[in-house]
Amino acid sequence: MIEIGKWQTLKVVRGKEFGVYLAEDKNDKEAILLPRKQVPEGLKAGGEIRVFVYLDSSDRPIATVHEPKITLGEIAKLEVKSVGNIGAFLDWGLEKDILLPFKEMVGKVREGQEYLVYMYMDKSNRPCVTMKLYEHLESQSPYNKGDMVEGYVYQVNEKFGAFVAVDNRYQGLIPEQELQRKVRVGDTFPLRVSGVREDGKLNLSMQKLSYQQMEEDSEMVYEAILSFDGVLPFTDKASPVVIRRELGLSKNAFKRAVGRLLKEGKIEIREKTIVLINKK
């Protein structure tokens, strides 16, 4: 049986001026067309060729030798070419773009942006893609606590945090309390594995190891004070909301950074402000 959305090796059962028809055997009545411009020189009736099968603009099965960017059951990052009445159409490397139905979107998608998607066949046996990746990512990864990984945010939940695809393949989560700034679907950045759950899924952190993170945070706070002409209009006693709004840090991270700068003799903490002592 010829399967749409997959690579398969088929036989040439007959030839026409506009191409050759392919099937699993010469008696197969469900032969599909491989357009003439893609037929290799010397391919004749009875010969075999490896092709990818998809649907043309009239929803008829057609063969191609061109390499698609995604195949059935795979996950890949594709660019949105247009948004229409039934969903978005994404470039998967073939003449006819593949559909991302509205019901399979996570948030609003934008033309020209790339999104990580999974390819499936809909109820009408048409190839489509979905941004809902949770059920399609693997749980068992090769990573351990402390490893640095590349993560793609595919869903954000205010209660749980940001769901992440690690290496576009493995399940990961940045818990809500670990989110250092606002993230959106489509964001990609390096993350640290803060733990591996019993089911193999990864807990992730936007922070590096504490000593590395403190160094980066203290440098950032120092630069922030400089931008305020050397006087930060609040101290480490400010509310977490103010600190996160102005600096993008948690209150604890801010206090650690301030403590480091204080120890290095670079700042002075006054009643309502933090003042630089030695400007760069």
C-alpha atoms as a PDB file:
ATOM      1  CA  MET A   1       0.000   0.000   0.000  1.00  0.00           C
ATOM      2  CA  ILE A   2       1.350   3.393  -0.996  1.00  0.00           C
ATOM      3  CA  GLU A   3       1.607   5.620   2.090  1.00  0.00           C
ATOM      4  CA  ILE A   4       1.308   9.390   1.966  1.00  0.00           C
ATOM      5  CA  GLY A   5       3.903  11.331   3.925  1.00  0.00           C
ATOM      6  CA  LYS A   6       6.615   8.698   3.688  1.00  0.00           C
ATOM      7  CA  TRP A   7       9.574   7.657   1.569  1.00  0.00           C
ATOM      8  CA  GLN A   8       9.098   4.363  -0.276  1.00  0.00           C
ATOM      9  CA  THR A   9      10.558   2.410  -3.182  1.00  0.00           C
ATOM     10  CA  LEU A  10       8.107   1.925  -6.062  1.00  0.00           C
ATOM     11  CA  LYS A  11       8.168   0.370  -9.504  1.00  0.00           C
ATOM     12  CA  VAL A  12       7.526   2.076 -12.830  1.00  0.00           C
ATOM     13  CA  VAL A  13       4.342   0.519 -14.245  1.00  0.00           C
ATOM     14  CA  ARG A  14       3.879   2.765 -17.274  1.00  0.00           C
ATOM     15  CA  GLY A  15       5.247   5.892 -18.869  1.00  0.00           C
ATOM     16  CA  LYS A  16       3.608   8.987 -20.350  1.00  0.00           C
ATOM     17  CA  GLU A  17       4.890  12.164 -21.969  1.00  0.00           C
ATOM     18  CA  PHE A  18       4.300  14.060 -18.729  1.00  0.00           C
ATOM     19  CA  GLY A  19       5.950  11.501 -16.450  1.00  0.00           C
ATOM     20  CA  VAL A  20       5.895   7.923 -15.191  1.00  0.00           C
ATOM     21  CA  TYR A  21       3.374   6.115 -13.026  1.00  0.00           C
ATOM     22  CA  LEU A  22       4.632   4.260  -9.981  1.00  0.00           C
ATOM     23  CA  ALA A  23       3.142   1.448  -7.911  1.00  0.00           C
ATOM     24  CA  GLU A  24       4.192  -1.362  -5.586  1.00  0.00           C
ATOM     25  CA  ASP A  25       3.810  -3.876  -8.415  1.00  0.00           C
ATOM     26  CA  LYS A  26       2.725  -3.875 -12.048  1.00  0.00           C
ATOM     27  CA  ASN A  27      -0.811  -4.975 -11.188  1.00  0.00           C
ATOM     28  CA  ASP A  28      -1.377  -2.132  -8.732  1.00  0.00           C
ATOM     29  CA  LYS A  29      -4.304   0.017  -9.889  1.00  0.00           C
ATOM     30  CA  GLU A  30      -3.413   2.857  -7.500  1.00  0.00           C
ATOM     31  CA  ALA A  31      -0.396   4.056  -9.460  1.00  0.00           C
ATOM     32  CA  ILE A  32       0.805   7.604  -8.794  1.00  0.00           C
ATOM     33  CA  LEU A  33       2.592  10.094 -11.018  1.00  0.00           C
ATOM     34  CA  LEU A  34       6.230  11.126 -10.852  1.00  0.00           C
ATOM     35  CA  PRO A  35       6.450  14.287 -13.061  1.00  0.00           C
ATOM     36  CA  ARG A  36       8.692  14.040 -16.122  1.00  0.00           C
ATOM     37  CA  LYS A  37      11.142  16.716 -14.892  1.00  0.00           C
ATOM     38  CA  GLN A  38      11.966  14.512 -11.885  1.00  0.00           C
ATOM     39  CA  VAL A  39      12.364  11.213 -13.756  1.00  0.00           C
ATOM     40  CA  PRO A  40      16.025  10.119 -13.848  1.00  0.00           C
ATOM     41  CA  GLU A  41      17.482   9.394 -17.251  1.00  0.00           C
ATOM     42  CA  GLY A  42      17.240   5.719 -18.156  1.00  0.00           C
ATOM     43  CA  LEU A  43      14.380   4.864 -15.775  1.00  0.00           C
ATOM     44  CA  LYS A  44      12.039   2.523 -17.671  1.00  0.00           C
ATOM     45  CA  ALA A  45       9.037   0.288 -17.033  1.00  0.00           C
ATOM     46  CA  GLY A  46       9.882  -2.298 -14.403  1.00  0.00           C
ATOM     47  CA  GLY A  47      12.586  -0.113 -12.861  1.00  0.00           C
ATOM     48  CA  GLU A  48      12.488   0.997  -9.232  1.00  0.00           C
ATOM     49  CA  ILE A  49      12.933   4.414  -7.660  1.00  0.00           C
ATOM     50  CA  ARG A  50      12.780   5.783  -4.107  1.00  0.00           C
ATOM     51  CA  VAL A  51      10.249   8.620  -3.841  1.00  0.00           C
ATOM     52  CA  PHE A  52       8.372  10.665  -1.276  1.00  0.00           C
ATOM     53  CA  VAL A  53       4.572  10.667  -1.611  1.00  0.00           C
ATOM     54  CA  TYR A  54       2.368  13.657  -0.777  1.00  0.00           C
ATOM     55  CA  LEU A  55      -0.782  15.365  -2.106  1.00  0.00           C
ATOM     56  CA  ASP A  56      -0.793  17.854  -4.970  1.00  0.00           C
ATOM     57  CA  SER A  57      -2.922  21.021  -5.187  1.00  0.00           C
ATOM     58  CA  SER A  58      -5.950  18.857  -6.105  1.00  0.00           C
ATOM     59  CA  ASP A  59      -5.354  16.536  -3.134  1.00  0.00           C
ATOM     60  CA  ARG A  60      -4.230  13.695  -5.405  1.00  0.00           C
ATOM     61  CA  PRO A  61      -1.274  11.503  -4.346  1.00  0.00           C
ATOM     62  CA  ILE A  62       1.882  12.428  -6.251  1.00  0.00           C
ATOM     63  CA  ALA A  63       5.513  11.320  -6.041  1.00  0.00           C
ATOM     64  CA  THR A  64       8.634  13.441  -5.792  1.00  0.00           C
ATOM     65  CA  VAL A  65      12.370  12.822  -5.513  1.00  0.00           C
ATOM     66  CA  HIS A  66      12.825  16.118  -3.671  1.00  0.00           C
ATOM     67  CA  GLU A  67      13.695  15.996   0.028  1.00  0.00           C
ATOM     68  CA  PRO A  68      10.948  17.356   2.331  1.00  0.00           C
ATOM     69  CA  LYS A  69      11.946  19.132   5.530  1.00  0.00           C
ATOM     70  CA  ILE A  70       9.677  16.852   7.571  1.00  0.00           C
ATOM     71  CA  THR A  71       8.068  13.428   7.125  1.00  0.00           C
ATOM     72  CA  LEU A  72       5.231  11.619   8.871  1.00  0.00           C
ATOM     73  CA  GLY A  73       5.878  11.209  12.601  1.00  0.00           C
ATOM     74  CA  GLU A  74       8.812  13.620  12.660  1.00  0.00           C
ATOM     75  CA  ILE A  75       9.401  16.957  14.413  1.00  0.00           C
ATOM     76  CA  ALA A  76      11.032  19.847  12.586  1.00  0.00           C
ATOM     77  CA  LYS A  77      11.164  23.644  12.536  1.00  0.00           C
ATOM     78  CA  LEU A  78       9.254  25.114   9.575  1.00  0.00           C
ATOM     79  CA  GLU A  79       8.652  28.663   8.360  1.00  0.00           C
ATOM     80  CA  VAL A  80       5.151  30.126   8.047  1.00  0.00           C
ATOM     81  CA  LYS A  81       4.580  31.237   4.449  1.00  0.00           C
ATOM     82  CA  SER A  82       1.020  32.522   4.861  1.00  0.00           C
ATOM     83  CA  VAL A  83      -1.982  32.514   7.190  1.00  0.00           C
ATOM     84  CA  GLY A  84      -5.378  31.769   5.657  1.00  0.00           C
ATOM     85  CA  ASN A  85      -8.969  31.040   6.633  1.00  0.00           C
ATOM     86  CA  ILE A  86      -8.345  27.478   7.819  1.00  0.00           C
ATOM     87  CA  GLY A  87      -4.911  27.891   9.339  1.00  0.00           C
ATOM     88  CA  ALA A  88      -1.329  28.639   8.401  1.00  0.00           C
ATOM     89  CA  PHE A  89       0.645  27.190   5.520  1.00  0.00           C
ATOM     90  CA  LEU A  90       4.250  26.215   6.231  1.00  0.00           C
ATOM     91  CA  ASP A  91       7.162  25.621   3.892  1.00  0.00           C
ATOM     92  CA  TRP A  92       8.227  21.986   4.068  1.00  0.00           C
ATOM     93  CA  GLY A  93      10.379  22.025   0.953  1.00  0.00           C
ATOM     94  CA  LEU A  94       7.786  20.851  -1.571  1.00  0.00           C
ATOM     95  CA  GLU A  95       5.690  22.698  -4.148  1.00  0.00           C
ATOM     96  CA  LYS A  96       2.516  22.639  -2.048  1.00  0.00           C
ATOM     97  CA  ASP A  97       2.887  24.072   1.480  1.00  0.00           C
ATOM     98  CA  ILE A  98       1.713  21.974   4.430  1.00  0.00           C
ATOM     99  CA  LEU A  99      -1.247  23.027   6.604  1.00  0.00           C
ATOM    100  CA  LEU A 100      -1.096  23.964  10.276  1.00  0.00           C
ATOM    101  CA  PRO A 101      -4.818  24.029  11.251  1.00  0.00           C
ATOM    102  CA  PHE A 102      -5.976  26.748  13.642  1.00  0.00           C
ATOM    103  CA  LYS A 103      -6.935  24.120  16.243  1.00  0.00           C
ATOM    104  CA  GLU A 104      -3.361  22.807  16.212  1.00  0.00           C
ATOM    105  CA  MET A 105      -1.760  26.196  16.907  1.00  0.00           C
ATOM    106  CA  VAL A 106      -0.362  27.223  20.283  1.00  0.00           C
ATOM    107  CA  GLY A 107      -0.884  30.968  20.445  1.00  0.00           C
ATOM    108  CA  LYS A 108      -0.787  33.251  17.432  1.00  0.00           C
ATOM    109  CA  VAL A 109       1.572  32.406  14.590  1.00  0.00           C
ATOM    110  CA  ARG A 110       3.181  35.023  12.389  1.00  0.00           C
ATOM    111  CA  GLU A 111       4.148  34.936   8.742  1.00  0.00           C
ATOM    112  CA  GLY A 112       7.893  34.610   8.263  1.00  0.00           C
ATOM    113  CA  GLN A 113       8.460  33.058  11.710  1.00  0.00           C
ATOM    114  CA  GLU A 114       9.671  29.504  12.267  1.00  0.00           C
ATOM    115  CA  TYR A 115       7.897  27.095  14.615  1.00  0.00           C
ATOM    116  CA  LEU A 116       8.607  23.584  15.792  1.00  0.00           C
ATOM    117  CA  VAL A 117       5.889  21.212  14.555  1.00  0.00           C
ATOM    118  CA  TYR A 118       4.997  17.514  14.379  1.00  0.00           C
ATOM    119  CA  MET A 119       3.656  15.960  11.174  1.00  0.00           C
ATOM    120  CA  TYR A 120       0.538  13.770  11.251  1.00  0.00           C
ATOM    121  CA  MET A 121      -2.270  12.624   8.946  1.00  0.00           C
ATOM    122  CA  ASP A 122      -5.685  14.171   9.612  1.00  0.00           C
ATOM    123  CA  LYS A 123      -9.025  12.334   9.475  1.00  0.00           C
ATOM    124  CA  SER A 124      -9.197  12.965   5.721  1.00  0.00           C
ATOM    125  CA  ASN A 125      -5.774  11.329   5.256  1.00  0.00           C
ATOM    126  CA  ARG A 126      -4.080  14.627   4.460  1.00  0.00           C
ATOM    127  CA  PRO A 127      -0.634  15.531   5.804  1.00  0.00           C
ATOM    128  CA  CYS A 128      -0.804  18.327   8.404  1.00  0.00           C
ATOM    129  CA  VAL A 129       1.349  19.620  11.240  1.00  0.00           C
ATOM    130  CA  THR A 130       0.666  20.564  14.855  1.00  0.00           C
ATOM    131  CA  MET A 131       2.402  22.792  17.391  1.00  0.00           C
ATOM    132  CA  LYS A 132       1.061  20.623  20.232  1.00  0.00           C
ATOM    133  CA  LEU A 133       4.198  18.625  20.910  1.00  0.00           C
ATOM    134  CA  TYR A 134       3.754  17.229  24.433  1.00  0.00           C
ATOM    135  CA  GLU A 135       2.660  13.736  23.356  1.00  0.00           C
ATOM    136  CA  HIS A 136       5.256  13.524  20.589  1.00  0.00           C
ATOM    137  CA  LEU A 137       8.464  14.264  22.496  1.00  0.00           C
ATOM    138  CA  GLU A 138      10.649  11.567  24.043  1.00  0.00           C
ATOM    139  CA  SER A 139      11.117  11.241  27.799  1.00  0.00           C
ATOM    140  CA  GLN A 140      14.458   9.429  27.918  1.00  0.00           C
ATOM    141  CA  SER A 141      17.308  11.799  27.062  1.00  0.00           C
ATOM    142  CA  PRO A 142      21.093  11.348  27.371  1.00  0.00           C
ATOM    143  CA  TYR A 143      21.398  14.386  29.671  1.00  0.00           C
ATOM    144  CA  ASN A 144      22.201  14.571  33.376  1.00  0.00           C
ATOM    145  CA  LYS A 145      21.902  17.207  36.083  1.00  0.00           C
ATOM    146  CA  GLY A 146      24.236  20.118  35.393  1.00  0.00           C
ATOM    147  CA  ASP A 147      24.401  19.608  31.623  1.00  0.00           C
ATOM    148  CA  MET A 148      23.793  22.571  29.330  1.00  0.00           C
ATOM    149  CA  VAL A 149      21.219  22.006  26.585  1.00  0.00           C
ATOM    150  CA  GLU A 150      19.465  23.896  23.798  1.00  0.00           C
ATOM    151  CA  GLY A 151      15.750  24.392  24.456  1.00  0.00           C
ATOM    152  CA  TYR A 152      12.777  25.520  22.352  1.00  0.00           C
ATOM    153  CA  VAL A 153       9.683  26.825  24.178  1.00  0.00           C
ATOM    154  CA  TYR A 154       6.613  25.161  22.664  1.00  0.00           C
ATOM    155  CA  GLN A 155       4.016  26.039  25.312  1.00  0.00           C
ATOM    156  CA  VAL A 156       3.740  28.391  28.287  1.00  0.00           C
ATOM    157  CA  ASN A 157       1.490  27.649  31.261  1.00  0.00           C
ATOM    158  CA  GLU A 158       1.120  30.272  34.008  1.00  0.00           C
ATOM    159  CA  LYS A 159       0.739  27.554  36.660  1.00  0.00           C
ATOM    160  CA  PHE A 160       3.478  25.111  35.645  1.00  0.00           C
ATOM    161  CA  GLY A 161       5.982  27.188  33.656  1.00  0.00           C
ATOM    162  CA  ALA A 162       7.416  26.832  30.157  1.00  0.00           C
ATOM    163  CA  PHE A 163       7.317  23.495  28.346  1.00  0.00           C
ATOM    164  CA  VAL A 164      10.479  22.990  26.338  1.00  0.00           C
ATOM    165  CA  ALA A 165      11.631  20.713  23.535  1.00  0.00           C
ATOM    166  CA  VAL A 166      15.298  19.911  24.147  1.00  0.00           C
ATOM    167  CA  ASP A 167      17.209  19.285  20.914  1.00  0.00           C
ATOM    168  CA  ASN A 168      13.759  19.387  19.246  1.00  0.00           C
ATOM    169  CA  ARG A 169      13.302  15.873  20.643  1.00  0.00           C
ATOM    170  CA  TYR A 170      13.150  15.521  24.434  1.00  0.00           C
ATOM    171  CA  GLN A 171      10.649  16.661  27.071  1.00  0.00           C
ATOM    172  CA  GLY A 172      11.692  19.480  29.375  1.00  0.00           C
ATOM    173  CA  LEU A 173      10.092  22.005  31.726  1.00  0.00           C
ATOM    174  CA  ILE A 174      11.260  25.325  33.122  1.00  0.00           C
ATOM    175  CA  PRO A 175       9.213  25.481  36.359  1.00  0.00           C
ATOM    176  CA  GLU A 176       7.366  28.735  36.931  1.00  0.00           C
ATOM    177  CA  GLN A 177       9.688  29.716  39.793  1.00  0.00           C
ATOM    178  CA  GLU A 178      12.720  29.280  37.507  1.00  0.00           C
ATOM    179  CA  LEU A 179      11.480  31.686  34.839  1.00  0.00           C
ATOM    180  CA  GLN A 180      13.801  34.692  35.000  1.00  0.00           C
ATOM    181  CA  ARG A 181      11.924  36.650  32.357  1.00  0.00           C
ATOM    182  CA  LYS A 182       8.856  36.457  30.172  1.00  0.00           C
ATOM    183  CA  VAL A 183       9.164  33.791  27.509  1.00  0.00           C
ATOM    184  CA  ARG A 184       7.078  33.107  24.406  1.00  0.00           C
ATOM    185  CA  VAL A 185       6.393  30.140  22.171  1.00  0.00           C
ATOM    186  CA  GLY A 186       9.238  29.981  19.672  1.00  0.00           C
ATOM    187  CA  ASP A 187      11.955  31.264  22.022  1.00  0.00           C
ATOM    188  CA  THR A 188      15.179  29.255  21.859  1.00  0.00           C
ATOM    189  CA  PHE A 189      18.047  29.555  24.328  1.00  0.00           C
ATOM    190  CA  PRO A 190      20.652  27.581  26.308  1.00  0.00           C
ATOM    191  CA  LEU A 191      19.372  26.038  29.534  1.00  0.00           C
ATOM    192  CA  ARG A 192      20.835  24.097  32.431  1.00  0.00           C
ATOM    193  CA  VAL A 193      19.453  20.703  33.460  1.00  0.00           C
ATOM    194  CA  SER A 194      18.513  21.233  37.108  1.00  0.00           C
ATOM    195  CA  GLY A 195      17.193  17.715  37.555  1.00  0.00           C
ATOM    196  CA  VAL A 196      16.032  14.529  35.854  1.00  0.00           C
ATOM    197  CA  ARG A 197      12.626  13.234  36.958  1.00  0.00           C
ATOM    198  CA  GLU A 198      11.842   9.556  37.552  1.00  0.00           C
ATOM    199  CA  ASP A 199      10.025   9.406  34.216  1.00  0.00           C
ATOM    200  CA  GLY A 200      13.116  10.769  32.458  1.00  0.00           C
ATOM    201  CA  LYS A 201      11.722  14.235  31.711  1.00  0.00           C
ATOM    202  CA  LEU A 202      14.080  17.136  32.320  1.00  0.00           C
ATOM    203  CA  ASN A 203      13.660  19.986  34.756  1.00  0.00           C
ATOM    204  CA  LEU A 204      15.434  23.023  33.360  1.00  0.00           C
ATOM    205  CA  SER A 205      16.744  26.309  34.646  1.00  0.00           C
ATOM    206  CA  MET A 206      17.490  29.573  32.893  1.00  0.00           C
ATOM    207  CA  GLN A 207      20.252  30.110  35.436  1.00  0.00           C
ATOM    208  CA  LYS A 208      23.741  28.697  35.092  1.00  0.00           C
ATOM    209  CA  LEU A 209      25.596  27.179  38.048  1.00  0.00           C
ATOM    210  CA  SER A 210      25.285  29.518  41.025  1.00  0.00           C
ATOM    211  CA  TYR A 211      28.804  30.982  40.895  1.00  0.00           C
ATOM    212  CA  GLN A 212      28.566  31.579  37.136  1.00  0.00           C
ATOM    213  CA  GLN A 213      25.089  33.072  37.418  1.00  0.00           C
ATOM    214  CA  MET A 214      26.063  35.339  40.300  1.00  0.00           C
ATOM    215  CA  GLU A 215      28.956  36.710  38.290  1.00  0.00           C
ATOM    216  CA  GLU A 216      26.693  37.463  35.301  1.00  0.00           C
ATOM    217  CA  ASP A 217      23.959  38.932  37.509  1.00  0.00           C
ATOM    218  CA  SER A 218      26.355  41.187  39.409  1.00  0.00           C
ATOM    219  CA  GLU A 219      27.811  42.477  36.135  1.00  0.00           C
ATOM    220  CA  MET A 220      24.323  43.158  34.830  1.00  0.00           C
ATOM    221  CA  VAL A 221      23.286  44.961  38.042  1.00  0.00           C
ATOM    222  CA  TYR A 222      26.473  47.056  37.909  1.00  0.00           C
ATOM    223  CA  GLU A 223      25.664  48.090  34.320  1.00  0.00           C
ATOM    224  CA  ALA A 224      22.071  48.856  35.354  1.00  0.00           C
ATOM    225  CA  ILE A 225      23.271  51.183  38.121  1.00  0.00           C
ATOM    226  CA  LEU A 226      25.509  52.907  35.596  1.00  0.00           C
ATOM    227  CA  SER A 227      22.489  53.455  33.358  1.00  0.00           C
ATOM    228  CA  PHE A 228      20.801  55.220  36.306  1.00  0.00           C
ATOM    229  CA  ASP A 229      23.765  57.654  36.446  1.00  0.00           C
ATOM    230  CA  GLY A 230      25.341  55.684  39.267  1.00  0.00           C
ATOM    231  CA  VAL A 231      22.336  55.745  41.617  1.00  0.00           C
ATOM    232  CA  LEU A 232      19.819  52.874  41.589  1.00  0.00           C
ATOM    233  CA  PRO A 233      16.508  54.253  42.970  1.00  0.00           C
ATOM    234  CA  PHE A 234      15.785  51.178  45.117  1.00  0.00           C
ATOM    235  CA  THR A 235      17.670  48.680  47.297  1.00  0.00           C
ATOM    236  CA  ASP A 236      17.531  44.931  47.868  1.00  0.00           C
ATOM    237  CA  LYS A 237      14.607  45.598  50.210  1.00  0.00           C
ATOM    238  CA  ALA A 238      12.403  46.581  47.249  1.00  0.00           C
ATOM    239  CA  SER A 239       9.453  44.408  46.328  1.00  0.00           C
ATOM    240  CA  PRO A 240      10.060  41.392  44.029  1.00  0.00           C
ATOM    241  CA  VAL A 241       7.716  42.998  41.484  1.00  0.00           C
ATOM    242  CA  VAL A 242       9.859  46.143  41.196  1.00  0.00           C
ATOM    243  CA  ILE A 243      13.094  44.170  40.968  1.00  0.00           C
ATOM    244  CA  ARG A 244      11.783  41.851  38.266  1.00  0.00           C
ATOM    245  CA  ARG A 245      10.241  44.733  36.316  1.00  0.00           C
ATOM    246  CA  GLU A 246      13.399  46.848  36.342  1.00  0.00           C
ATOM    247  CA  LEU A 247      16.109  44.179  36.156  1.00  0.00           C
ATOM    248  CA  GLY A 248      14.439  40.902  35.176  1.00  0.00           C
ATOM    249  CA  LEU A 249      15.856  39.169  38.278  1.00  0.00           C
ATOM    250  CA  SER A 250      14.257  37.384  41.198  1.00  0.00           C
ATOM    251  CA  LYS A 251      14.667  39.135  44.548  1.00  0.00           C
ATOM    252  CA  ASN A 252      17.071  36.431  45.779  1.00  0.00           C
ATOM    253  CA  ALA A 253      19.233  36.695  42.656  1.00  0.00           C
ATOM    254  CA  PHE A 254      19.309  40.486  43.031  1.00  0.00           C
ATOM    255  CA  LYS A 255      20.339  40.258  46.675  1.00  0.00           C
ATOM    256  CA  ARG A 256      23.158  37.848  45.792  1.00  0.00           C
ATOM    257  CA  ALA A 257      24.392  40.166  43.047  1.00  0.00           C
ATOM    258  CA  VAL A 258      24.243  43.196  45.340  1.00  0.00           C
ATOM    259  CA  GLY A 259      26.096  41.260  48.034  1.00  0.00           C
ATOM    260  CA  ARG A 260      28.881  40.430  45.588  1.00  0.00           C
ATOM    261  CA  LEU A 261      29.217  44.048  44.442  1.00  0.00           C
ATOM    262  CA  LEU A 262      29.222  45.192  48.053  1.00  0.00           C
ATOM    263  CA  LYS A 263      31.966  42.707  48.948  1.00  0.00           C
ATOM    264  CA  GLU A 264      34.018  43.894  45.972  1.00  0.00           C
ATOM    265  CA  GLY A 265      33.689  47.480  47.217  1.00  0.00           C
ATOM    266  CA  LYS A 266      31.951  48.693  44.079  1.00  0.00           C
ATOM    267  CA  ILE A 267      28.727  49.964  45.678  1.00  0.00           C
ATOM    268  CA  GLU A 268      27.332  51.533  48.775  1.00  0.00           C
ATOM    269  CA  ILE A 269      23.829  50.759  50.058  1.00  0.00           C
ATOM    270  CA  ARG A 270      21.975  53.769  51.428  1.00  0.00           C
ATOM    271  CA  GLU A 271      18.515  54.067  52.913  1.00  0.00           C
ATOM    272  CA  LYS A 272      16.607  54.087  49.617  1.00  0.00           C
ATOM    273  CA  THR A 273      19.284  53.805  46.938  1.00  0.00           C
ATOM    274  CA  ILE A 274      22.345  51.859  45.844  1.00  0.00           C
ATOM    275  CA  VAL A 275      25.245  54.065  44.763  1.00  0.00           C
ATOM    276  CA  LEU A 276      28.374  53.233  42.779  1.00  0.00           C
ATOM    277  CA  ILE A 277      31.656  53.911  44.517  1.00  0.00           C
ATOM    278  CA  ASN A 278      34.041  53.221  41.664  1.00  0.00           C
ATOM    279  CA  LYS A 279      32.755  53.807  38.147  1.00  0.00           C
ATOM    280  CA  LYS A 280      34.443  51.946  35.317  1.00  0.00           C
END
